[in-house]
Full PDB file with SEQRES, HELIX, SHEET, SSBOND, CRYST1, ORIGX, SCALE, CONECT and MASTER records, all heavy atoms in Angstrom:
SEQRES   1 A   36  GLN GLU SER ASP PHE SER PHE HIS ILE PRO PHE GLY PHE          
SEQRES   2 A   36  SER LEU SER SER GLU SER GLU GLU VAL THR LEU GLY TYR          
SEQRES   3 A   36  THR SER ASN ILE ARG SER ASP GLN ILE ASP                      
SHEET    1 AA1 2 LEU A  15  SER A  16  0                                        
SHEET    2 AA1 2 GLN A  34  ILE A  35 -1                                        
CRYST1    1.000    1.000    1.000  90.00  90.00  90.00 P 1           1          
ORIGX1      1.000000  0.000000  0.000000        0.00000                         
ORIGX2      0.000000  1.000000  0.000000        0.00000                         
ORIGX3      0.000000  0.000000  1.000000        0.00000                         
SCALE1      1.000000  0.000000  0.000000        0.00000                         
SCALE2      0.000000  1.000000  0.000000        0.00000                         
SCALE3      0.000000  0.000000  1.000000        0.00000                         
ATOM      1  N   GLN A   1       0.649 -18.136  23.014  1.00  0.00           N  
ATOM      2  CA  GLN A   1       0.908 -17.638  21.666  1.00  0.00           C  
ATOM      3  C   GLN A   1       2.221 -16.853  21.679  1.00  0.00           C  
ATOM      4  O   GLN A   1       2.365 -15.908  22.443  1.00  0.00           O  
ATOM      5  CB  GLN A   1      -0.224 -16.733  21.177  1.00  0.00           C  
ATOM      6  CG  GLN A   1      -1.517 -17.454  20.865  1.00  0.00           C  
ATOM      7  CD  GLN A   1      -2.551 -16.531  20.256  1.00  0.00           C  
ATOM      8  OE1 GLN A   1      -2.242 -15.451  19.771  1.00  0.00           O  
ATOM      9  NE2 GLN A   1      -3.805 -16.963  20.283  1.00  0.00           N  
ATOM     10  N   GLU A   2       3.161 -17.273  20.845  1.00  0.00           N  
ATOM     11  CA  GLU A   2       4.432 -16.568  20.783  1.00  0.00           C  
ATOM     12  C   GLU A   2       4.274 -15.272  19.995  1.00  0.00           C  
ATOM     13  O   GLU A   2       3.646 -15.255  18.925  1.00  0.00           O  
ATOM     14  CB  GLU A   2       5.496 -17.439  20.129  1.00  0.00           C  
ATOM     15  CG  GLU A   2       6.880 -16.792  20.165  1.00  0.00           C  
ATOM     16  CD  GLU A   2       7.962 -17.725  19.675  1.00  0.00           C  
ATOM     17  OE1 GLU A   2       7.921 -18.094  18.489  1.00  0.00           O  
ATOM     18  OE2 GLU A   2       8.823 -18.099  20.483  1.00  0.00           O  
ATOM     19  N   SER A   3       4.832 -14.181  20.519  1.00  0.00           N  
ATOM     20  CA  SER A   3       4.809 -12.890  19.850  1.00  0.00           C  
ATOM     21  C   SER A   3       6.222 -12.514  19.444  1.00  0.00           C  
ATOM     22  O   SER A   3       7.174 -12.721  20.199  1.00  0.00           O  
ATOM     23  CB  SER A   3       4.223 -11.812  20.774  1.00  0.00           C  
ATOM     24  OG  SER A   3       2.860 -12.070  21.050  1.00  0.00           O  
ATOM     25  N   ASP A   4       6.351 -11.964  18.238  1.00  0.00           N  
ATOM     26  CA  ASP A   4       7.661 -11.576  17.715  1.00  0.00           C  
ATOM     27  C   ASP A   4       7.928 -10.099  17.963  1.00  0.00           C  
ATOM     28  O   ASP A   4       7.031  -9.251  17.835  1.00  0.00           O  
ATOM     29  CB  ASP A   4       7.734 -11.859  16.213  1.00  0.00           C  
ATOM     30  CG  ASP A   4       7.715 -13.345  15.916  1.00  0.00           C  
ATOM     31  OD1 ASP A   4       8.252 -14.117  16.743  1.00  0.00           O  
ATOM     32  OD2 ASP A   4       7.170 -13.742  14.866  1.00  0.00           O  
ATOM     33  N   PHE A   5       9.191  -9.789  18.296  1.00  0.00           N  
ATOM     34  CA  PHE A   5       9.611  -8.423  18.568  1.00  0.00           C  
ATOM     35  C   PHE A   5      10.933  -8.152  17.881  1.00  0.00           C  
ATOM     36  O   PHE A   5      11.691  -9.070  17.551  1.00  0.00           O  
ATOM     37  CB  PHE A   5       9.765  -8.185  20.078  1.00  0.00           C  
ATOM     38  CG  PHE A   5       8.497  -8.341  20.862  1.00  0.00           C  
ATOM     39  CD1 PHE A   5       8.081  -9.595  21.303  1.00  0.00           C  
ATOM     40  CD2 PHE A   5       7.708  -7.247  21.143  1.00  0.00           C  
ATOM     41  CE1 PHE A   5       6.909  -9.744  22.018  1.00  0.00           C  
ATOM     42  CE2 PHE A   5       6.539  -7.381  21.861  1.00  0.00           C  
ATOM     43  CZ  PHE A   5       6.129  -8.630  22.302  1.00  0.00           C  
ATOM     44  N   SER A   6      11.215  -6.853  17.703  1.00  0.00           N  
ATOM     45  CA  SER A   6      12.509  -6.415  17.202  1.00  0.00           C  
ATOM     46  C   SER A   6      12.809  -5.064  17.833  1.00  0.00           C  
ATOM     47  O   SER A   6      12.052  -4.113  17.642  1.00  0.00           O  
ATOM     48  CB  SER A   6      12.490  -6.300  15.677  1.00  0.00           C  
ATOM     49  OG  SER A   6      13.742  -5.862  15.196  1.00  0.00           O  
ATOM     50  N   PHE A   7      13.880  -4.981  18.624  1.00  0.00           N  
ATOM     51  CA  PHE A   7      14.157  -3.773  19.402  1.00  0.00           C  
ATOM     52  C   PHE A   7      15.103  -2.795  18.695  1.00  0.00           C  
ATOM     53  O   PHE A   7      15.284  -1.678  19.150  1.00  0.00           O  
ATOM     54  CB  PHE A   7      14.764  -4.150  20.759  1.00  0.00           C  
ATOM     55  CG  PHE A   7      13.747  -4.627  21.753  1.00  0.00           C  
ATOM     56  CD1 PHE A   7      14.157  -5.125  22.986  1.00  0.00           C  
ATOM     57  CD2 PHE A   7      12.391  -4.589  21.480  1.00  0.00           C  
ATOM     58  CE1 PHE A   7      13.232  -5.566  23.921  1.00  0.00           C  
ATOM     59  CE2 PHE A   7      11.457  -5.029  22.406  1.00  0.00           C  
ATOM     60  CZ  PHE A   7      11.880  -5.522  23.626  1.00  0.00           C  
ATOM     61  N   HIS A   8      15.760  -3.202  17.590  1.00  0.00           N  
ATOM     62  CA  HIS A   8      16.644  -2.307  16.830  1.00  0.00           C  
ATOM     63  C   HIS A   8      17.730  -1.693  17.720  1.00  0.00           C  
ATOM     64  O   HIS A   8      17.982  -0.493  17.684  1.00  0.00           O  
ATOM     65  CB  HIS A   8      15.834  -1.200  16.154  1.00  0.00           C  
ATOM     66  CG  HIS A   8      14.703  -1.701  15.318  1.00  0.00           C  
ATOM     67  ND1 HIS A   8      14.884  -2.265  14.074  1.00  0.00           N  
ATOM     68  CD2 HIS A   8      13.367  -1.739  15.560  1.00  0.00           C  
ATOM     69  CE1 HIS A   8      13.706  -2.627  13.575  1.00  0.00           C  
ATOM     70  NE2 HIS A   8      12.780  -2.324  14.454  1.00  0.00           N  
ATOM     71  N   ILE A   9      18.357  -2.522  18.535  1.00  0.00           N  
ATOM     72  CA  ILE A   9      19.437  -2.061  19.412  1.00  0.00           C  
ATOM     73  C   ILE A   9      20.769  -2.319  18.726  1.00  0.00           C  
ATOM     74  O   ILE A   9      21.011  -3.415  18.210  1.00  0.00           O  
ATOM     75  CB  ILE A   9      19.374  -2.782  20.769  1.00  0.00           C  
ATOM     76  CG1 ILE A   9      18.071  -2.412  21.490  1.00  0.00           C  
ATOM     77  CG2 ILE A   9      20.565  -2.412  21.635  1.00  0.00           C  
ATOM     78  CD1 ILE A   9      17.897  -3.099  22.823  1.00  0.00           C  
ATOM     79  N   PRO A  10      21.686  -1.340  18.722  1.00  0.00           N  
ATOM     80  CA  PRO A  10      22.912  -1.471  17.927  1.00  0.00           C  
ATOM     81  C   PRO A  10      23.899  -2.529  18.384  1.00  0.00           C  
ATOM     82  O   PRO A  10      24.500  -3.204  17.568  1.00  0.00           O  
ATOM     83  CB  PRO A  10      23.532  -0.064  18.009  1.00  0.00           C  
ATOM     84  CG  PRO A  10      22.960   0.538  19.260  1.00  0.00           C  
ATOM     85  CD  PRO A  10      21.584  -0.025  19.391  1.00  0.00           C  
ATOM     86  N   PHE A  11      24.121  -2.699  19.695  1.00  0.00           N  
ATOM     87  CA  PHE A  11      25.193  -3.620  20.089  1.00  0.00           C  
ATOM     88  C   PHE A  11      25.081  -3.999  21.563  1.00  0.00           C  
ATOM     89  O   PHE A  11      24.494  -3.283  22.351  1.00  0.00           O  
ATOM     90  CB  PHE A  11      26.562  -2.970  19.875  1.00  0.00           C  
ATOM     91  CG  PHE A  11      26.751  -1.702  20.691  1.00  0.00           C  
ATOM     92  CD1 PHE A  11      27.208  -1.756  21.991  1.00  0.00           C  
ATOM     93  CD2 PHE A  11      26.434  -0.471  20.144  1.00  0.00           C  
ATOM     94  CE1 PHE A  11      27.373  -0.598  22.746  1.00  0.00           C  
ATOM     95  CE2 PHE A  11      26.590   0.694  20.897  1.00  0.00           C  
ATOM     96  CZ  PHE A  11      27.059   0.636  22.188  1.00  0.00           C  
ATOM     97  N   GLY A  12      25.660  -5.161  21.907  1.00  0.00           N  
ATOM     98  CA  GLY A  12      26.011  -5.516  23.266  1.00  0.00           C  
ATOM     99  C   GLY A  12      24.908  -5.611  24.290  1.00  0.00           C  
ATOM    100  O   GLY A  12      25.169  -5.416  25.475  1.00  0.00           O  
ATOM    101  N   PHE A  13      23.665  -5.923  23.887  1.00  0.00           N  
ATOM    102  CA  PHE A  13      22.580  -6.014  24.859  1.00  0.00           C  
ATOM    103  C   PHE A  13      22.080  -7.446  24.978  1.00  0.00           C  
ATOM    104  O   PHE A  13      22.080  -8.205  24.001  1.00  0.00           O  
ATOM    105  CB  PHE A  13      21.414  -5.115  24.475  1.00  0.00           C  
ATOM    106  CG  PHE A  13      21.638  -3.665  24.807  1.00  0.00           C  
ATOM    107  CD1 PHE A  13      22.265  -2.823  23.913  1.00  0.00           C  
ATOM    108  CD2 PHE A  13      21.224  -3.156  26.032  1.00  0.00           C  
ATOM    109  CE1 PHE A  13      22.475  -1.483  24.221  1.00  0.00           C  
ATOM    110  CE2 PHE A  13      21.430  -1.829  26.351  1.00  0.00           C  
ATOM    111  CZ  PHE A  13      22.058  -0.989  25.440  1.00  0.00           C  
ATOM    112  N   SER A  14      21.694  -7.810  26.185  1.00  0.00           N  
ATOM    113  CA  SER A  14      21.057  -9.103  26.409  1.00  0.00           C  
ATOM    114  C   SER A  14      19.719  -8.887  27.094  1.00  0.00           C  
ATOM    115  O   SER A  14      19.526  -7.904  27.815  1.00  0.00           O  
ATOM    116  CB  SER A  14      21.941 -10.012  27.264  1.00  0.00           C  
ATOM    117  OG  SER A  14      22.094  -9.483  28.568  1.00  0.00           O  
ATOM    118  N   LEU A  15      18.809  -9.813  26.843  1.00  0.00           N  
ATOM    119  CA  LEU A  15      17.473  -9.750  27.440  1.00  0.00           C  
ATOM    120  C   LEU A  15      17.257 -11.030  28.227  1.00  0.00           C  
ATOM    121  O   LEU A  15      17.481 -12.127  27.710  1.00  0.00           O  
ATOM    122  CB  LEU A  15      16.408  -9.621  26.343  1.00  0.00           C  
ATOM    123  CG  LEU A  15      14.977  -9.353  26.787  1.00  0.00           C  
ATOM    124  CD1 LEU A  15      14.854  -7.968  27.429  1.00  0.00           C  
ATOM    125  CD2 LEU A  15      14.019  -9.449  25.600  1.00  0.00           C  
ATOM    126  N   SER A  16      16.873 -10.895  29.495  1.00  0.00           N  
ATOM    127  CA  SER A  16      16.686 -12.088  30.330  1.00  0.00           C  
ATOM    128  C   SER A  16      15.334 -12.052  31.004  1.00  0.00           C  
ATOM    129  O   SER A  16      14.799 -10.983  31.313  1.00  0.00           O  
ATOM    130  CB  SER A  16      17.792 -12.185  31.390  1.00  0.00           C  
ATOM    131  OG  SER A  16      17.798 -11.038  32.217  1.00  0.00           O  
ATOM    132  N   SER A  17      14.775 -13.232  31.217  1.00  0.00           N  
ATOM    133  CA  SER A  17      13.482 -13.373  31.875  1.00  0.00           C  
ATOM    134  C   SER A  17      13.694 -13.583  33.370  1.00  0.00           C  
ATOM    135  O   SER A  17      14.566 -14.348  33.787  1.00  0.00           O  
ATOM    136  CB  SER A  17      12.720 -14.557  31.292  1.00  0.00           C  
ATOM    137  OG  SER A  17      11.521 -14.787  32.015  1.00  0.00           O  
ATOM    138  N   GLU A  18      12.891 -12.868  34.162  1.00  0.00           N  
ATOM    139  CA  GLU A  18      12.998 -12.974  35.614  1.00  0.00           C  
ATOM    140  C   GLU A  18      12.227 -14.169  36.169  1.00  0.00           C  
ATOM    141  O   GLU A  18      12.304 -14.458  37.363  1.00  0.00           O  
ATOM    142  CB  GLU A  18      12.464 -11.678  36.255  1.00  0.00           C  
ATOM    143  CG  GLU A  18      13.149 -10.406  35.787  1.00  0.00           C  
ATOM    144  CD  GLU A  18      14.504 -10.206  36.415  1.00  0.00           C  
ATOM    145  OE1 GLU A  18      14.660 -10.555  37.588  1.00  0.00           O  
ATOM    146  OE2 GLU A  18      15.405  -9.710  35.726  1.00  0.00           O  
ATOM    147  N   SER A  19      11.454 -14.863  35.332  1.00  0.00           N  
ATOM    148  CA  SER A  19      10.630 -15.977  35.822  1.00  0.00           C  
ATOM    149  C   SER A  19      10.584 -17.083  34.785  1.00  0.00           C  
ATOM    150  O   SER A  19      10.721 -16.839  33.582  1.00  0.00           O  
ATOM    151  CB  SER A  19       9.208 -15.495  36.137  1.00  0.00           C  
ATOM    152  OG  SER A  19       8.649 -14.871  35.008  1.00  0.00           O  
ATOM    153  N   GLU A  20      10.383 -18.295  35.244  1.00  0.00           N  
ATOM    154  CA  GLU A  20      10.381 -19.440  34.347  1.00  0.00           C  
ATOM    155  C   GLU A  20       9.128 -19.498  33.480  1.00  0.00           C  
ATOM    156  O   GLU A  20       9.092 -20.220  32.476  1.00  0.00           O  
ATOM    157  CB  GLU A  20      10.505 -20.738  35.157  1.00  0.00           C  
ATOM    158  CG  GLU A  20       9.378 -20.966  36.155  1.00  0.00           C  
ATOM    159  CD  GLU A  20       9.553 -22.233  36.965  1.00  0.00           C  
ATOM    160  OE1 GLU A  20      10.684 -22.767  36.975  1.00  0.00           O  
ATOM    161  OE2 GLU A  20       8.574 -22.665  37.580  1.00  0.00           O  
ATOM    162  N   GLU A  21       8.097 -18.730  33.837  1.00  0.00           N  
ATOM    163  CA  GLU A  21       6.858 -18.748  33.047  1.00  0.00           C  
ATOM    164  C   GLU A  21       7.012 -18.060  31.691  1.00  0.00           C  
ATOM    165  O   GLU A  21       6.237 -18.302  30.769  1.00  0.00           O  
ATOM    166  CB  GLU A  21       5.714 -18.069  33.810  1.00  0.00           C  
ATOM    167  CG  GLU A  21       5.180 -18.845  35.003  1.00  0.00           C  
ATOM    168  CD  GLU A  21       5.975 -18.614  36.265  1.00  0.00           C  
ATOM    169  OE1 GLU A  21       6.987 -17.865  36.205  1.00  0.00           O  
ATOM    170  OE2 GLU A  21       5.599 -19.152  37.313  1.00  0.00           O  
ATOM    171  N   VAL A  22       7.997 -17.173  31.559  1.00  0.00           N  
ATOM    172  CA  VAL A  22       8.228 -16.445  30.310  1.00  0.00           C  
ATOM    173  C   VAL A  22       9.561 -16.878  29.721  1.00  0.00           C  
ATOM    174  O   VAL A  22      10.588 -16.818  30.392  1.00  0.00           O  
ATOM    175  CB  VAL A  22       8.226 -14.921  30.550  1.00  0.00           C  
ATOM    176  CG1 VAL A  22       8.546 -14.173  29.254  1.00  0.00           C  
ATOM    177  CG2 VAL A  22       6.878 -14.458  31.094  1.00  0.00           C  
ATOM    178  N   THR A  23       9.535 -17.328  28.459  1.00  0.00           N  
ATOM    179  CA  THR A  23      10.757 -17.777  27.798  1.00  0.00           C  
ATOM    180  C   THR A  23      11.006 -16.940  26.547  1.00  0.00           C  
ATOM    181  O   THR A  23      10.094 -16.359  25.965  1.00  0.00           O  
ATOM    182  CB  THR A  23      10.673 -19.260  27.424  1.00  0.00           C  
ATOM    183  OG1 THR A  23       9.504 -19.477  26.616  1.00  0.00           O  
ATOM    184  CG2 THR A  23      10.592 -20.119  28.670  1.00  0.00           C  
ATOM    185  N   LEU A  24      12.290 -16.928  26.123  1.00  0.00           N  
ATOM    186  CA  LEU A  24      12.725 -16.114  24.997  1.00  0.00           C  
ATOM    187  C   LEU A  24      13.400 -17.006  23.970  1.00  0.00           C  
ATOM    188  O   LEU A  24      13.916 -18.072  24.303  1.00  0.00           O  
ATOM    189  CB  LEU A  24      13.727 -15.045  25.456  1.00  0.00           C  
ATOM    190  CG  LEU A  24      13.328 -14.222  26.680  1.00  0.00           C  
ATOM    191  CD1 LEU A  24      14.535 -13.453  27.220  1.00  0.00           C  
ATOM    192  CD2 LEU A  24      12.211 -13.249  26.331  1.00  0.00           C  
ATOM    193  N   GLY A  25      13.413 -16.575  22.714  1.00  0.00           N  
ATOM    194  CA  GLY A  25      14.100 -17.365  21.708  1.00  0.00           C  
ATOM    195  C   GLY A  25      14.083 -16.716  20.348  1.00  0.00           C  
ATOM    196  O   GLY A  25      13.313 -15.794  20.078  1.00  0.00           O  
ATOM    197  N   TYR A  26      14.963 -17.217  19.461  1.00  0.00           N  
ATOM    198  CA  TYR A  26      15.013 -16.734  18.085  1.00  0.00           C  
ATOM    199  C   TYR A  26      14.134 -17.563  17.166  1.00  0.00           C  
ATOM    200  O   TYR A  26      13.822 -17.159  16.066  1.00  0.00           O  
ATOM    201  CB  TYR A  26      16.456 -16.761  17.571  1.00  0.00           C  
ATOM    202  CG  TYR A  26      17.357 -15.798  18.309  1.00  0.00           C  
ATOM    203  CD1 TYR A  26      18.380 -16.261  19.122  1.00  0.00           C  
ATOM    204  CD2 TYR A  26      17.183 -14.431  18.181  1.00  0.00           C  
ATOM    205  CE1 TYR A  26      19.213 -15.386  19.792  1.00  0.00           C  
ATOM    206  CE2 TYR A  26      18.003 -13.545  18.855  1.00  0.00           C  
ATOM    207  CZ  TYR A  26      19.012 -14.027  19.654  1.00  0.00           C  
ATOM    208  OH  TYR A  26      19.809 -13.145  20.324  1.00  0.00           O  
ATOM    209  N   THR A  27      13.741 -18.752  17.596  1.00  0.00           N  
ATOM    210  CA  THR A  27      12.811 -19.572  16.830  1.00  0.00           C  
ATOM    211  C   THR A  27      11.773 -20.111  17.788  1.00  0.00           C  
ATOM    212  O   THR A  27      11.929 -20.079  19.003  1.00  0.00           O  
ATOM    213  CB  THR A  27      13.526 -20.758  16.148  1.00  0.00           C  
ATOM    214  OG1 THR A  27      13.933 -21.690  17.147  1.00  0.00           O  
ATOM    215  CG2 THR A  27      14.745 -20.290  15.357  1.00  0.00           C  
ATOM    216  N   SER A  28      10.697 -20.621  17.247  1.00  0.00           N  
ATOM    217  CA  SER A  28       9.622 -21.152  18.081  1.00  0.00           C  
ATOM    218  C   SER A  28      10.014 -22.451  18.771  1.00  0.00           C  
ATOM    219  O   SER A  28       9.346 -22.889  19.695  1.00  0.00           O  
ATOM    220  CB  SER A  28       8.366 -21.373  17.227  1.00  0.00           C  
ATOM    221  OG  SER A  28       7.905 -20.146  16.699  1.00  0.00           O  
ATOM    222  N   ASN A  29      11.092 -23.090  18.294  1.00  0.00           N  
ATOM    223  CA  ASN A  29      11.455 -24.400  18.831  1.00  0.00           C  
ATOM    224  C   ASN A  29      12.538 -24.329  19.908  1.00  0.00           C  
ATOM    225  O   ASN A  29      12.732 -25.272  20.659  1.00  0.00           O  
ATOM    226  CB  ASN A  29      11.944 -25.304  17.695  1.00  0.00           C  
ATOM    227  CG  ASN A  29      10.863 -25.517  16.655  1.00  0.00           C  
ATOM    228  OD1 ASN A  29       9.701 -25.671  16.999  1.00  0.00           O  
ATOM    229  ND2 ASN A  29      11.250 -25.513  15.387  1.00  0.00           N  
ATOM    230  N   ILE A  30      13.288 -23.242  19.971  1.00  0.00           N  
ATOM    231  CA  ILE A  30      14.372 -23.129  20.937  1.00  0.00           C  
ATOM    232  C   ILE A  30      14.110 -21.927  21.821  1.00  0.00           C  
ATOM    233  O   ILE A  30      14.097 -20.790  21.358  1.00  0.00           O  
ATOM    234  CB  ILE A  30      15.734 -22.970  20.233  1.00  0.00           C  
ATOM    235  CG1 ILE A  30      15.962 -24.140  19.274  1.00  0.00           C  
ATOM    236  CG2 ILE A  30      16.859 -22.875  21.245  1.00  0.00           C  
ATOM    237  CD1 ILE A  30      17.197 -23.984  18.421  1.00  0.00           C  
ATOM    238  N   ARG A  31      13.906 -22.172  23.114  1.00  0.00           N  
ATOM    239  CA  ARG A  31      13.609 -21.085  24.032  1.00  0.00           C  
ATOM    240  C   ARG A  31      14.532 -21.183  25.236  1.00  0.00           C  
ATOM    241  O   ARG A  31      14.966 -22.261  25.638  1.00  0.00           O  
ATOM    242  CB  ARG A  31      12.146 -21.133  24.504  1.00  0.00           C  
ATOM    243  CG  ARG A  31      11.131 -21.019  23.377  1.00  0.00           C  
ATOM    244  CD  ARG A  31       9.749 -20.752  23.934  1.00  0.00           C  
ATOM    245  NE  ARG A  31       8.757 -20.721  22.876  1.00  0.00           N  
ATOM    246  CZ  ARG A  31       8.003 -21.741  22.519  1.00  0.00           C  
ATOM    247  NH1 ARG A  31       8.126 -22.890  23.163  1.00  0.00           N  
ATOM    248  NH2 ARG A  31       7.127 -21.638  21.557  1.00  0.00           N  
ATOM    249  N   SER A  32      14.824 -20.024  25.847  1.00  0.00           N  
ATOM    250  CA  SER A  32      15.668 -19.995  27.032  1.00  0.00           C  
ATOM    251  C   SER A  32      15.250 -18.815  27.890  1.00  0.00           C  
ATOM    252  O   SER A  32      14.320 -18.080  27.552  1.00  0.00           O  
ATOM    253  CB  SER A  32      17.145 -19.876  26.636  1.00  0.00           C  
ATOM    254  OG  SER A  32      17.375 -18.610  26.025  1.00  0.00           O  
ATOM    255  N   ASP A  33      15.953 -18.632  29.006  1.00  0.00           N  
ATOM    256  CA  ASP A  33      15.632 -17.512  29.886  1.00  0.00           C  
ATOM    257  C   ASP A  33      16.461 -16.276  29.578  1.00  0.00           C  
ATOM    258  O   ASP A  33      16.294 -15.240  30.199  1.00  0.00           O  
ATOM    259  CB  ASP A  33      15.801 -17.907  31.354  1.00  0.00           C  
ATOM    260  CG  ASP A  33      17.246 -18.281  31.673  1.00  0.00           C  
ATOM    261  OD1 ASP A  33      18.067 -18.374  30.731  1.00  0.00           O  
ATOM    262  OD2 ASP A  33      17.544 -18.483  32.859  1.00  0.00           O  
ATOM    263  N   GLN A  34      17.390 -16.380  28.577  1.00  0.00           N  
ATOM    264  CA  GLN A  34      18.208 -15.223  28.211  1.00  0.00           C  
ATOM    265  C   GLN A  34      18.653 -15.337  26.760  1.00  0.00           C  
ATOM    266  O   GLN A  34      19.002 -16.417  26.281  1.00  0.00           O  
ATOM    267  CB  GLN A  34      19.428 -15.106  29.125  1.00  0.00           C  
ATOM    268  CG  GLN A  34      20.312 -13.906  28.787  1.00  0.00           C  
ATOM    269  CD  GLN A  34      21.409 -13.700  29.815  1.00  0.00           C  
ATOM    270  OE1 GLN A  34      21.193 -13.857  31.003  1.00  0.00           O  
ATOM    271  NE2 GLN A  34      22.602 -13.333  29.352  1.00  0.00           N  
ATOM    272  N   ILE A  35      18.634 -14.200  26.053  1.00  0.00           N  
ATOM    273  CA  ILE A  35      19.120 -14.153  24.676  1.00  0.00           C  
ATOM    274  C   ILE A  35      19.928 -12.878  24.486  1.00  0.00           C  
ATOM    275  O   ILE A  35      19.768 -11.909  25.229  1.00  0.00           O  
ATOM    276  CB  ILE A  35      17.968 -14.188  23.642  1.00  0.00           C  
ATOM    277  CG1 ILE A  35      17.017 -13.001  23.868  1.00  0.00           C  
ATOM    278  CG2 ILE A  35      17.227 -15.509  23.684  1.00  0.00           C  
ATOM    279  CD1 ILE A  35      15.968 -12.857  22.776  1.00  0.00           C  
ATOM    280  N   ASP A  36      20.793 -12.875  23.477  1.00  0.00           N  
ATOM    281  CA  ASP A  36      21.516 -11.671  23.082  1.00  0.00           C  
ATOM    282  C   ASP A  36      20.733 -10.972  21.986  1.00  0.00           C  
ATOM    283  O   ASP A  36      20.260 -11.615  21.034  1.00  0.00           O  
ATOM    284  CB  ASP A  36      22.919 -12.028  22.582  1.00  0.00           C  
ATOM    285  CG  ASP A  36      23.802 -12.589  23.692  1.00  0.00           C  
ATOM    286  OD1 ASP A  36      23.649 -12.115  24.841  1.00  0.00           O  
ATOM    287  OD2 ASP A  36      24.610 -13.489  23.413  1.00  0.00           O  
TER     288      ASP A  36                                                      
MASTER        0    0    0    0    2    0    0    6  287    1    0    3          
END                                                                             
């Protein structure tokens, strides 16, 4: 089940996954191991 988050960070941060079991994305259809 995909969960939505919002960190309210002002600028210049990236979030990356340390393992292939957890993926990140801005939509449910596009996922990767790192997002801005």
